[in-house]
């Protein structure tokens, strides 16, 4: 029995968060976690669902960590670029999720 889409999306979101945390050890571990998670989750018939979760989780945690660092007085050399990285990933994930879910919402006739 295949897992439902909610579980796949949550798995993808967790993988995105783990990729951010794994990247504290370098770019290669973070990418390895993200790619490995997508390979495990993406064998389903619709790989867009875990990809949407991965992008959303990555973008959300990225922006959360940037906001926390900024609140503690940290500065970045190019804050617009690094903020855009998180915003683009978050919006791409949510847009992909919308593209998956919205066509399936059909009005009910009474």
PDB file of N, CA and C in Angstrom:
ATOM      1  N   UNK A   1       0.842  -1.175   0.000  1.00  0.00           N
ATOM      2  CA  UNK A   1       0.000   0.000   0.000  1.00  0.00           C
ATOM      3  C   UNK A   1       0.889   1.241   0.000  1.00  0.00           C
ATOM      4  N   UNK A   2       0.625   2.136  -0.911  1.00  0.00           N
ATOM      5  CA  UNK A   2       1.412   3.366  -1.036  1.00  0.00           C
ATOM      6  C   UNK A   2       0.964   4.381   0.012  1.00  0.00           C
ATOM      7  N   UNK A   3       1.922   5.157   0.543  1.00  0.00           N
ATOM      8  CA  UNK A   3       1.535   6.179   1.504  1.00  0.00           C
ATOM      9  C   UNK A   3       0.704   7.263   0.832  1.00  0.00           C
ATOM     10  N   UNK A   4      -0.162   7.898   1.634  1.00  0.00           N
ATOM     11  CA  UNK A   4      -0.991   8.940   1.035  1.00  0.00           C
ATOM     12  C   UNK A   4      -0.169  10.203   0.795  1.00  0.00           C
ATOM     13  N   UNK A   5      -0.762  11.151   0.109  1.00  0.00           N
ATOM     14  CA  UNK A   5      -0.037  12.353  -0.293  1.00  0.00           C
ATOM     15  C   UNK A   5       0.382  13.203   0.898  1.00  0.00           C
ATOM     16  N   UNK A   6      -0.406  13.224   1.944  1.00  0.00           N
ATOM     17  CA  UNK A   6      -0.046  14.021   3.121  1.00  0.00           C
ATOM     18  C   UNK A   6       1.250  13.516   3.746  1.00  0.00           C
ATOM     19  N   UNK A   7       1.375  12.204   3.823  1.00  0.00           N
ATOM     20  CA  UNK A   7       2.582  11.611   4.393  1.00  0.00           C
ATOM     21  C   UNK A   7       3.778  11.902   3.489  1.00  0.00           C
ATOM     22  N   UNK A   8       3.592  11.804   2.187  1.00  0.00           N
ATOM     23  CA  UNK A   8       4.681  12.103   1.257  1.00  0.00           C
ATOM     24  C   UNK A   8       5.103  13.561   1.360  1.00  0.00           C
ATOM     25  N   UNK A   9       4.129  14.477   1.482  1.00  0.00           N
ATOM     26  CA  UNK A   9       4.456  15.892   1.584  1.00  0.00           C
ATOM     27  C   UNK A   9       5.205  16.174   2.886  1.00  0.00           C
ATOM     28  N   UNK A  10       4.730  15.609   3.978  1.00  0.00           N
ATOM     29  CA  UNK A  10       5.414  15.806   5.263  1.00  0.00           C
ATOM     30  C   UNK A  10       6.816  15.203   5.239  1.00  0.00           C
ATOM     31  N   UNK A  11       6.975  14.069   4.582  1.00  0.00           N
ATOM     32  CA  UNK A  11       8.301  13.480   4.432  1.00  0.00           C
ATOM     33  C   UNK A  11       9.228  14.381   3.640  1.00  0.00           C
ATOM     34  N   UNK A  12       8.701  14.976   2.589  1.00  0.00           N
ATOM     35  CA  UNK A  12       9.490  15.914   1.798  1.00  0.00           C
ATOM     36  C   UNK A  12       9.861  17.152   2.599  1.00  0.00           C
ATOM     37  N   UNK A  13       8.905  17.668   3.387  1.00  0.00           N
ATOM     38  CA  UNK A  13       9.191  18.842   4.222  1.00  0.00           C
ATOM     39  C   UNK A  13      10.256  18.523   5.262  1.00  0.00           C
ATOM     40  N   UNK A  14      10.165  17.352   5.859  1.00  0.00           N
ATOM     41  CA  UNK A  14      11.186  16.936   6.829  1.00  0.00           C
ATOM     42  C   UNK A  14      12.546  16.800   6.147  1.00  0.00           C
ATOM     43  N   UNK A  15      12.553  16.289   4.918  1.00  0.00           N
ATOM     44  CA  UNK A  15      13.813  16.160   4.182  1.00  0.00           C
ATOM     45  C   UNK A  15      14.413  17.524   3.886  1.00  0.00           C
ATOM     46  N   UNK A  16      13.576  18.505   3.566  1.00  0.00           N
ATOM     47  CA  UNK A  16      14.075  19.856   3.327  1.00  0.00           C
ATOM     48  C   UNK A  16      14.701  20.451   4.582  1.00  0.00           C
ATOM     49  N   UNK A  17      14.045  20.238   5.705  1.00  0.00           N
ATOM     50  CA  UNK A  17      14.603  20.724   6.972  1.00  0.00           C
ATOM     51  C   UNK A  17      15.899  19.999   7.313  1.00  0.00           C
ATOM     52  N   UNK A  18      15.927  18.696   7.089  1.00  0.00           N
ATOM     53  CA  UNK A  18      17.149  17.932   7.349  1.00  0.00           C
ATOM     54  C   UNK A  18      18.285  18.354   6.429  1.00  0.00           C
ATOM     55  N   UNK A  19      17.947  18.723   5.193  1.00  0.00           N
ATOM     56  CA  UNK A  19      18.983  19.176   4.264  1.00  0.00           C
ATOM     57  C   UNK A  19      19.623  20.466   4.765  1.00  0.00           C
ATOM     58  N   UNK A  20      18.809  21.369   5.303  1.00  0.00           N
ATOM     59  CA  UNK A  20      19.357  22.612   5.865  1.00  0.00           C
ATOM     60  C   UNK A  20      20.257  22.285   7.047  1.00  0.00           C
ATOM     61  N   UNK A  21      19.779  21.437   7.933  1.00  0.00           N
ATOM     62  CA  UNK A  21      20.580  21.079   9.106  1.00  0.00           C
ATOM     63  C   UNK A  21      21.834  20.316   8.700  1.00  0.00           C
ATOM     64  N   UNK A  22      21.722  19.449   7.693  1.00  0.00           N
ATOM     65  CA  UNK A  22      22.885  18.716   7.209  1.00  0.00           C
ATOM     66  C   UNK A  22      23.910  19.601   6.540  1.00  0.00           C
ATOM     67  N   UNK A  23      23.454  20.718   5.996  1.00  0.00           N
ATOM     68  CA  UNK A  23      24.386  21.623   5.326  1.00  0.00           C
ATOM     69  C   UNK A  23      25.293  22.355   6.313  1.00  0.00           C
ATOM     70  N   UNK A  24      25.003  22.261   7.604  1.00  0.00           N
ATOM     71  CA  UNK A  24      25.928  22.846   8.576  1.00  0.00           C
ATOM     72  C   UNK A  24      27.268  22.109   8.564  1.00  0.00           C
ATOM     73  N   UNK A  25      27.274  20.885   8.046  1.00  0.00           N
ATOM     74  CA  UNK A  25      28.508  20.118   7.915  1.00  0.00           C
ATOM     75  C   UNK A  25      29.148  20.306   6.548  1.00  0.00           C
ATOM     76  N   UNK A  26      28.535  21.132   5.709  1.00  0.00           N
ATOM     77  CA  UNK A  26      29.050  21.395   4.373  1.00  0.00           C
ATOM     78  C   UNK A  26      27.955  21.239   3.337  1.00  0.00           C
ATOM     79  N   UNK A  27      28.223  21.715   2.156  1.00  0.00           N
ATOM     80  CA  UNK A  27      27.243  21.665   1.081  1.00  0.00           C
ATOM     81  C   UNK A  27      26.957  20.231   0.640  1.00  0.00           C
ATOM     82  N   UNK A  28      27.961  19.409   0.583  1.00  0.00           N
ATOM     83  CA  UNK A  28      27.796  18.034   0.098  1.00  0.00           C
ATOM     84  C   UNK A  28      26.857  17.223   0.996  1.00  0.00           C
ATOM     85  N   UNK A  29      27.017  17.243   2.339  1.00  0.00           N
ATOM     86  CA  UNK A  29      26.058  16.488   3.161  1.00  0.00           C
ATOM     87  C   UNK A  29      24.626  16.989   3.019  1.00  0.00           C
ATOM     88  N   UNK A  30      24.446  18.295   2.922  1.00  0.00           N
ATOM     89  CA  UNK A  30      23.099  18.832   2.755  1.00  0.00           C
ATOM     90  C   UNK A  30      22.464  18.389   1.458  1.00  0.00           C
ATOM     91  N   UNK A  31      23.226  18.457   0.371  1.00  0.00           N
ATOM     92  CA  UNK A  31      22.719  18.001  -0.928  1.00  0.00           C
ATOM     93  C   UNK A  31      22.475  16.499  -0.934  1.00  0.00           C
ATOM     94  N   UNK A  32      23.350  15.749  -0.286  1.00  0.00           N
ATOM     95  CA  UNK A  32      23.182  14.295  -0.230  1.00  0.00           C
ATOM     96  C   UNK A  32      21.891  13.929   0.495  1.00  0.00           C
ATOM     97  N   UNK A  33      21.595  14.621   1.578  1.00  0.00           N
ATOM     98  CA  UNK A  33      20.347  14.354   2.309  1.00  0.00           C
ATOM     99  C   UNK A  33      19.147  14.690   1.438  1.00  0.00           C
ATOM    100  N   UNK A  34      19.179  15.844   0.791  1.00  0.00           N
ATOM    101  CA  UNK A  34      18.045  16.258  -0.053  1.00  0.00           C
ATOM    102  C   UNK A  34      17.831  15.286  -1.212  1.00  0.00           C
ATOM    103  N   UNK A  35      18.897  14.938  -1.918  1.00  0.00           N
ATOM    104  CA  UNK A  35      18.777  14.054  -3.074  1.00  0.00           C
ATOM    105  C   UNK A  35      18.389  12.642  -2.641  1.00  0.00           C
ATOM    106  N   UNK A  36      19.006  12.156  -1.575  1.00  0.00           N
ATOM    107  CA  UNK A  36      18.658  10.830  -1.067  1.00  0.00           C
ATOM    108  C   UNK A  36      17.208  10.740  -0.622  1.00  0.00           C
ATOM    109  N   UNK A  37      16.737  11.772   0.033  1.00  0.00           N
ATOM    110  CA  UNK A  37      15.345  11.786   0.477  1.00  0.00           C
ATOM    111  C   UNK A  37      14.392  11.811  -0.705  1.00  0.00           C
ATOM    112  N   UNK A  38      14.721  12.612  -1.711  1.00  0.00           N
ATOM    113  CA  UNK A  38      13.858  12.656  -2.893  1.00  0.00           C
ATOM    114  C   UNK A  38      13.838  11.319  -3.629  1.00  0.00           C
ATOM    115  N   UNK A  39      14.976  10.652  -3.658  1.00  0.00           N
ATOM    116  CA  UNK A  39      15.009   9.348  -4.317  1.00  0.00           C
ATOM    117  C   UNK A  39      14.145   8.339  -3.572  1.00  0.00           C
ATOM    118  N   UNK A  40      14.199   8.391  -2.248  1.00  0.00           N
ATOM    119  CA  UNK A  40      13.378   7.469  -1.454  1.00  0.00           C
ATOM    120  C   UNK A  40      11.897   7.808  -1.565  1.00  0.00           C
ATOM    121  N   UNK A  41      11.586   9.088  -1.499  1.00  0.00           N
ATOM    122  CA  UNK A  41      10.185   9.506  -1.539  1.00  0.00           C
ATOM    123  C   UNK A  41       9.645   9.584  -2.957  1.00  0.00           C
ATOM    124  N   UNK A  42      10.519   9.828  -3.919  1.00  0.00           N
ATOM    125  CA  UNK A  42      10.092  10.080  -5.284  1.00  0.00           C
ATOM    126  C   UNK A  42       9.783   8.856  -6.109  1.00  0.00           C
ATOM    127  N   UNK A  43       9.928   7.678  -5.555  1.00  0.00           N
ATOM    128  CA  UNK A  43       9.607   6.484  -6.324  1.00  0.00           C
ATOM    129  C   UNK A  43       8.095   6.299  -6.470  1.00  0.00           C
ATOM    130  N   UNK A  44       7.331   7.125  -5.806  1.00  0.00           N
ATOM    131  CA  UNK A  44       5.881   7.075  -5.925  1.00  0.00           C
ATOM    132  C   UNK A  44       5.460   7.545  -7.303  1.00  0.00           C
ATOM    133  N   UNK A  45       4.227   7.329  -7.646  1.00  0.00           N
ATOM    134  CA  UNK A  45       3.745   7.685  -8.981  1.00  0.00           C
ATOM    135  C   UNK A  45       3.762   9.183  -9.221  1.00  0.00           C
ATOM    136  N   UNK A  46       3.648   9.992  -8.183  1.00  0.00           N
ATOM    137  CA  UNK A  46       3.640  11.443  -8.336  1.00  0.00           C
ATOM    138  C   UNK A  46       4.741  12.034  -7.469  1.00  0.00           C
ATOM    139  N   UNK A  47       5.918  12.222  -8.045  1.00  0.00           N
ATOM    140  CA  UNK A  47       7.066  12.728  -7.289  1.00  0.00           C
ATOM    141  C   UNK A  47       6.950  14.219  -7.001  1.00  0.00           C
ATOM    142  N   UNK A  48       5.945  14.883  -7.559  1.00  0.00           N
ATOM    143  CA  UNK A  48       5.777  16.309  -7.292  1.00  0.00           C
ATOM    144  C   UNK A  48       5.405  16.575  -5.841  1.00  0.00           C
ATOM    145  N   UNK A  49       4.713  15.645  -5.208  1.00  0.00           N
ATOM    146  CA  UNK A  49       4.265  15.855  -3.829  1.00  0.00           C
ATOM    147  C   UNK A  49       5.455  15.958  -2.873  1.00  0.00           C
ATOM    148  N   UNK A  50       6.364  14.989  -2.834  1.00  0.00           N
ATOM    149  CA  UNK A  50       7.509  15.154  -1.932  1.00  0.00           C
ATOM    150  C   UNK A  50       8.431  16.297  -2.341  1.00  0.00           C
ATOM    151  N   UNK A  51       8.530  16.589  -3.636  1.00  0.00           N
ATOM    152  CA  UNK A  51       9.341  17.723  -4.074  1.00  0.00           C
ATOM    153  C   UNK A  51       8.757  19.028  -3.547  1.00  0.00           C
ATOM    154  N   UNK A  52       7.439  19.137  -3.575  1.00  0.00           N
ATOM    155  CA  UNK A  52       6.773  20.315  -3.021  1.00  0.00           C
ATOM    156  C   UNK A  52       7.085  20.456  -1.535  1.00  0.00           C
ATOM    157  N   UNK A  53       7.017  19.350  -0.807  1.00  0.00           N
ATOM    158  CA  UNK A  53       7.344  19.381   0.617  1.00  0.00           C
ATOM    159  C   UNK A  53       8.794  19.748   0.867  1.00  0.00           C
ATOM    160  N   UNK A  54       9.694  19.203   0.047  1.00  0.00           N
ATOM    161  CA  UNK A  54      11.113  19.500   0.196  1.00  0.00           C
ATOM    162  C   UNK A  54      11.386  20.984   0.011  1.00  0.00           C
ATOM    163  N   UNK A  55      10.829  21.569  -1.039  1.00  0.00           N
ATOM    164  CA  UNK A  55      11.042  22.996  -1.298  1.00  0.00           C
ATOM    165  C   UNK A  55      10.414  23.862  -0.208  1.00  0.00           C
ATOM    166  N   UNK A  56       9.223  23.499   0.224  1.00  0.00           N
ATOM    167  CA  UNK A  56       8.551  24.274   1.261  1.00  0.00           C
ATOM    168  C   UNK A  56       9.301  24.191   2.578  1.00  0.00           C
ATOM    169  N   UNK A  57       9.696  22.993   2.972  1.00  0.00           N
ATOM    170  CA  UNK A  57      10.445  22.821   4.221  1.00  0.00           C
ATOM    171  C   UNK A  57      11.785  23.532   4.175  1.00  0.00           C
ATOM    172  N   UNK A  58      12.478  23.426   3.059  1.00  0.00           N
ATOM    173  CA  UNK A  58      13.767  24.098   2.891  1.00  0.00           C
ATOM    174  C   UNK A  58      13.604  25.602   3.014  1.00  0.00           C
ATOM    175  N   UNK A  59      12.663  26.168   2.251  1.00  0.00           N
ATOM    176  CA  UNK A  59      12.458  27.617   2.254  1.00  0.00           C
ATOM    177  C   UNK A  59      12.016  28.143   3.612  1.00  0.00           C
ATOM    178  N   UNK A  60      11.102  27.437   4.253  1.00  0.00           N
ATOM    179  CA  UNK A  60      10.587  27.890   5.545  1.00  0.00           C
ATOM    180  C   UNK A  60      11.683  27.875   6.611  1.00  0.00           C
ATOM    181  N   UNK A  61      12.430  26.780   6.701  1.00  0.00           N
ATOM    182  CA  UNK A  61      13.492  26.717   7.705  1.00  0.00           C
ATOM    183  C   UNK A  61      14.609  27.707   7.388  1.00  0.00           C
ATOM    184  N   UNK A  62      14.928  27.882   6.124  1.00  0.00           N
ATOM    185  CA  UNK A  62      15.953  28.841   5.714  1.00  0.00           C
ATOM    186  C   UNK A  62      15.589  30.243   6.192  1.00  0.00           C
ATOM    187  N   UNK A  63      14.343  30.653   5.912  1.00  0.00           N
ATOM    188  CA  UNK A  63      13.901  31.985   6.322  1.00  0.00           C
ATOM    189  C   UNK A  63      13.824  32.115   7.838  1.00  0.00           C
ATOM    190  N   UNK A  64      13.426  31.059   8.506  1.00  0.00           N
ATOM    191  CA  UNK A  64      13.376  31.072   9.968  1.00  0.00           C
ATOM    192  C   UNK A  64      14.772  31.262  10.559  1.00  0.00           C
ATOM    193  N   UNK A  65      15.748  30.561  10.020  1.00  0.00           N
ATOM    194  CA  UNK A  65      17.116  30.695  10.514  1.00  0.00           C
ATOM    195  C   UNK A  65      17.696  32.069  10.200  1.00  0.00           C
ATOM    196  N   UNK A  66      17.373  32.623   9.028  1.00  0.00           N
ATOM    197  CA  UNK A  66      17.829  33.976   8.706  1.00  0.00           C
ATOM    198  C   UNK A  66      17.211  35.005   9.643  1.00  0.00           C
ATOM    199  N   UNK A  67      15.931  34.853   9.926  1.00  0.00           N
ATOM    200  CA  UNK A  67      15.252  35.785  10.835  1.00  0.00           C
ATOM    201  C   UNK A  67      15.832  35.689  12.240  1.00  0.00           C
ATOM    202  N   UNK A  68      16.115  34.485  12.683  1.00  0.00           N
ATOM    203  CA  UNK A  68      16.695  34.308  14.020  1.00  0.00           C
ATOM    204  C   UNK A  68      18.079  34.941  14.102  1.00  0.00           C
ATOM    205  N   UNK A  69      18.878  34.728  13.089  1.00  0.00           N
ATOM    206  CA  UNK A  69      20.222  35.302  13.052  1.00  0.00           C
ATOM    207  C   UNK A  69      20.158  36.830  13.035  1.00  0.00           C
ATOM    208  N   UNK A  70      19.233  37.367  12.269  1.00  0.00           N
ATOM    209  CA  UNK A  70      19.071  38.819  12.198  1.00  0.00           C
ATOM    210  C   UNK A  70      18.596  39.390  13.533  1.00  0.00           C
ATOM    211  N   UNK A  71      17.691  38.681  14.193  1.00  0.00           N
ATOM    212  CA  UNK A  71      17.184  39.139  15.485  1.00  0.00           C
ATOM    213  C   UNK A  71      18.272  39.142  16.549  1.00  0.00           C
ATOM    214  N   UNK A  72      19.257  38.295  16.395  1.00  0.00           N
ATOM    215  CA  UNK A  72      20.361  38.230  17.353  1.00  0.00           C
ATOM    216  C   UNK A  72      21.493  39.176  16.996  1.00  0.00           C
ATOM    217  N   UNK A  73      21.284  40.017  15.975  1.00  0.00           N
ATOM    218  CA  UNK A  73      22.289  41.005  15.608  1.00  0.00           C
ATOM    219  C   UNK A  73      23.249  40.574  14.536  1.00  0.00           C
ATOM    220  N   UNK A  74      23.025  39.423  13.942  1.00  0.00           N
ATOM    221  CA  UNK A  74      23.907  38.948  12.873  1.00  0.00           C
ATOM    222  C   UNK A  74      23.678  39.718  11.580  1.00  0.00           C
ATOM    223  N   UNK A  75      24.704  39.804  10.769  1.00  0.00           N
ATOM    224  CA  UNK A  75      24.591  40.484   9.484  1.00  0.00           C
ATOM    225  C   UNK A  75      25.132  39.585   8.375  1.00  0.00           C
ATOM    226  N   UNK A  76      24.651  39.826   7.171  1.00  0.00           N
ATOM    227  CA  UNK A  76      25.100  39.098   5.991  1.00  0.00           C
ATOM    228  C   UNK A  76      25.676  40.084   4.998  1.00  0.00           C
ATOM    229  N   UNK A  77      26.605  39.609   4.171  1.00  0.00           N
ATOM    230  CA  UNK A  77      27.178  40.472   3.138  1.00  0.00           C
ATOM    231  C   UNK A  77      26.148  40.855   2.082  1.00  0.00           C
ATOM    232  N   UNK A  78      25.279  39.922   1.727  1.00  0.00           N
ATOM    233  CA  UNK A  78      24.278  40.156   0.684  1.00  0.00           C
ATOM    234  C   UNK A  78      22.925  39.622   1.167  1.00  0.00           C
ATOM    235  N   UNK A  79      22.265  40.336   2.085  1.00  0.00           N
ATOM    236  CA  UNK A  79      21.034  39.795   2.677  1.00  0.00           C
ATOM    237  C   UNK A  79      19.888  39.617   1.679  1.00  0.00           C
ATOM    238  N   UNK A  80      19.817  40.448   0.652  1.00  0.00           N
ATOM    239  CA  UNK A  80      18.738  40.310  -0.326  1.00  0.00           C
ATOM    240  C   UNK A  80      18.831  38.979  -1.064  1.00  0.00           C
ATOM    241  N   UNK A  81      20.037  38.605  -1.444  1.00  0.00           N
ATOM    242  CA  UNK A  81      20.223  37.343  -2.149  1.00  0.00           C
ATOM    243  C   UNK A  81      19.842  36.160  -1.271  1.00  0.00           C
ATOM    244  N   UNK A  82      20.339  36.131  -0.041  1.00  0.00           N
ATOM    245  CA  UNK A  82      20.086  34.992   0.843  1.00  0.00           C
ATOM    246  C   UNK A  82      18.622  34.910   1.264  1.00  0.00           C
ATOM    247  N   UNK A  83      17.972  36.060   1.382  1.00  0.00           N
ATOM    248  CA  UNK A  83      16.541  36.053   1.658  1.00  0.00           C
ATOM    249  C   UNK A  83      15.785  35.535   0.439  1.00  0.00           C
ATOM    250  N   UNK A  84      16.210  35.946  -0.746  1.00  0.00           N
ATOM    251  CA  UNK A  84      15.559  35.486  -1.973  1.00  0.00           C
ATOM    252  C   UNK A  84      15.685  33.974  -2.144  1.00  0.00           C
ATOM    253  N   UNK A  85      16.790  33.394  -1.707  1.00  0.00           N
ATOM    254  CA  UNK A  85      16.955  31.936  -1.785  1.00  0.00           C
ATOM    255  C   UNK A  85      15.822  31.247  -1.030  1.00  0.00           C
ATOM    256  N   UNK A  86      15.550  31.702   0.186  1.00  0.00           N
ATOM    257  CA  UNK A  86      14.479  31.101   0.982  1.00  0.00           C
ATOM    258  C   UNK A  86      13.101  31.390   0.430  1.00  0.00           C
ATOM    259  N   UNK A  87      12.871  32.628  -0.014  1.00  0.00           N
ATOM    260  CA  UNK A  87      11.558  33.007  -0.537  1.00  0.00           C
ATOM    261  C   UNK A  87      11.241  32.244  -1.819  1.00  0.00           C
ATOM    262  N   UNK A  88      12.206  32.145  -2.718  1.00  0.00           N
ATOM    263  CA  UNK A  88      11.976  31.435  -3.980  1.00  0.00           C
ATOM    264  C   UNK A  88      11.679  29.956  -3.717  1.00  0.00           C
ATOM    265  N   UNK A  89      12.439  29.321  -2.831  1.00  0.00           N
ATOM    266  CA  UNK A  89      12.189  27.913  -2.524  1.00  0.00           C
ATOM    267  C   UNK A  89      10.805  27.735  -1.893  1.00  0.00           C
ATOM    268  N   UNK A  90      10.461  28.602  -0.944  1.00  0.00           N
ATOM    269  CA  UNK A  90       9.163  28.503  -0.274  1.00  0.00           C
ATOM    270  C   UNK A  90       8.022  28.711  -1.267  1.00  0.00           C
ATOM    271  N   UNK A  91       8.108  29.745  -2.095  1.00  0.00           N
ATOM    272  CA  UNK A  91       7.041  30.006  -3.063  1.00  0.00           C
ATOM    273  C   UNK A  91       6.956  28.912  -4.127  1.00  0.00           C
ATOM    274  N   UNK A  92       8.099  28.380  -4.534  1.00  0.00           N
ATOM    275  CA  UNK A  92       8.082  27.284  -5.513  1.00  0.00           C
ATOM    276  C   UNK A  92       7.397  26.055  -4.924  1.00  0.00           C
ATOM    277  N   UNK A  93       7.700  25.745  -3.675  1.00  0.00           N
ATOM    278  CA  UNK A  93       7.068  24.600  -3.023  1.00  0.00           C
ATOM    279  C   UNK A  93       5.575  24.783  -2.863  1.00  0.00           C
ATOM    280  N   UNK A  94       5.164  25.970  -2.427  1.00  0.00           N
ATOM    281  CA  UNK A  94       3.735  26.229  -2.255  1.00  0.00           C
ATOM    282  C   UNK A  94       3.019  26.300  -3.600  1.00  0.00           C
ATOM    283  N   UNK A  95       3.682  26.852  -4.613  1.00  0.00           N
ATOM    284  CA  UNK A  95       3.085  26.897  -5.949  1.00  0.00           C
ATOM    285  C   UNK A  95       2.895  25.506  -6.522  1.00  0.00           C
ATOM    286  N   UNK A  96       3.893  24.658  -6.337  1.00  0.00           N
ATOM    287  CA  UNK A  96       3.785  23.281  -6.811  1.00  0.00           C
ATOM    288  C   UNK A  96       2.680  22.540  -6.068  1.00  0.00           C
ATOM    289  N   UNK A  97       2.576  22.774  -4.771  1.00  0.00           N
ATOM    290  CA  UNK A  97       1.501  22.160  -3.995  1.00  0.00           C
ATOM    291  C   UNK A  97       0.139  22.627  -4.501  1.00  0.00           C
ATOM    292  N   UNK A  98       0.031  23.922  -4.782  1.00  0.00           N
ATOM    293  CA  UNK A  98      -1.219  24.434  -5.333  1.00  0.00           C
ATOM    294  C   UNK A  98      -1.549  23.820  -6.682  1.00  0.00           C
ATOM    295  N   UNK A  99      -0.531  23.628  -7.511  1.00  0.00           N
ATOM    296  CA  UNK A  99      -0.748  23.019  -8.827  1.00  0.00           C
ATOM    297  C   UNK A  99      -1.192  21.564  -8.707  1.00  0.00           C
ATOM    298  N   UNK A 100      -0.838  20.917  -7.622  1.00  0.00           N
ATOM    299  CA  UNK A 100      -1.237  19.528  -7.403  1.00  0.00           C
ATOM    300  C   UNK A 100      -2.652  19.463  -6.838  1.00  0.00           C
ATOM    301  N   UNK A 101      -2.936  20.307  -5.867  1.00  0.00           N
ATOM    302  CA  UNK A 101      -4.183  20.209  -5.115  1.00  0.00           C
ATOM    303  C   UNK A 101      -5.355  20.896  -5.809  1.00  0.00           C
ATOM    304  N   UNK A 102      -5.143  22.086  -6.344  1.00  0.00           N
ATOM    305  CA  UNK A 102      -6.255  22.865  -6.893  1.00  0.00           C
ATOM    306  C   UNK A 102      -7.027  22.163  -8.011  1.00  0.00           C
ATOM    307  N   UNK A 103      -6.370  21.476  -8.952  1.00  0.00           N
ATOM    308  CA  UNK A 103      -7.154  20.782  -9.987  1.00  0.00           C
ATOM    309  C   UNK A 103      -8.043  19.663  -9.431  1.00  0.00           C
ATOM    310  N   UNK A 104      -7.699  19.152  -8.271  1.00  0.00           N
ATOM    311  CA  UNK A 104      -8.475  18.060  -7.693  1.00  0.00           C
ATOM    312  C   UNK A 104      -9.665  18.550  -6.873  1.00  0.00           C
ATOM    313  N   UNK A 105      -9.707  19.844  -6.601  1.00  0.00           N
ATOM    314  CA  UNK A 105     -10.839  20.403  -5.872  1.00  0.00           C
ATOM    315  C   UNK A 105     -11.971  20.667  -6.852  1.00  0.00           C
ATOM    316  N   UNK A 106     -12.956  19.872  -6.768  1.00  0.00           N
ATOM    317  CA  UNK A 106     -14.083  20.001  -7.693  1.00  0.00           C
ATOM    318  C   UNK A 106     -15.294  20.490  -6.902  1.00  0.00           C
ATOM    319  N   UNK A 107     -16.001  21.443  -7.455  1.00  0.00           N
ATOM    320  CA  UNK A 107     -17.195  21.887  -6.746  1.00  0.00           C
ATOM    321  C   UNK A 107     -18.233  20.769  -6.674  1.00  0.00           C
ATOM    322  N   UNK A 108     -18.864  20.671  -5.543  1.00  0.00           N
ATOM    323  CA  UNK A 108     -19.903  19.644  -5.372  1.00  0.00           C
ATOM    324  C   UNK A 108     -21.248  20.217  -5.779  1.00  0.00           C
ATOM    325  N   UNK A 109     -21.996  19.431  -6.444  1.00  0.00           N
ATOM    326  CA  UNK A 109     -23.340  19.847  -6.879  1.00  0.00           C
ATOM    327  C   UNK A 109     -24.362  19.297  -5.892  1.00  0.00           C
ATOM    328  N   UNK A 110     -25.302  20.123  -5.596  1.00  0.00           N
ATOM    329  CA  UNK A 110     -26.350  19.700  -4.660  1.00  0.00           C
ATOM    330  C   UNK A 110     -27.645  19.492  -5.364  1.00  0.00           C
TER     331      UNK A 110
END
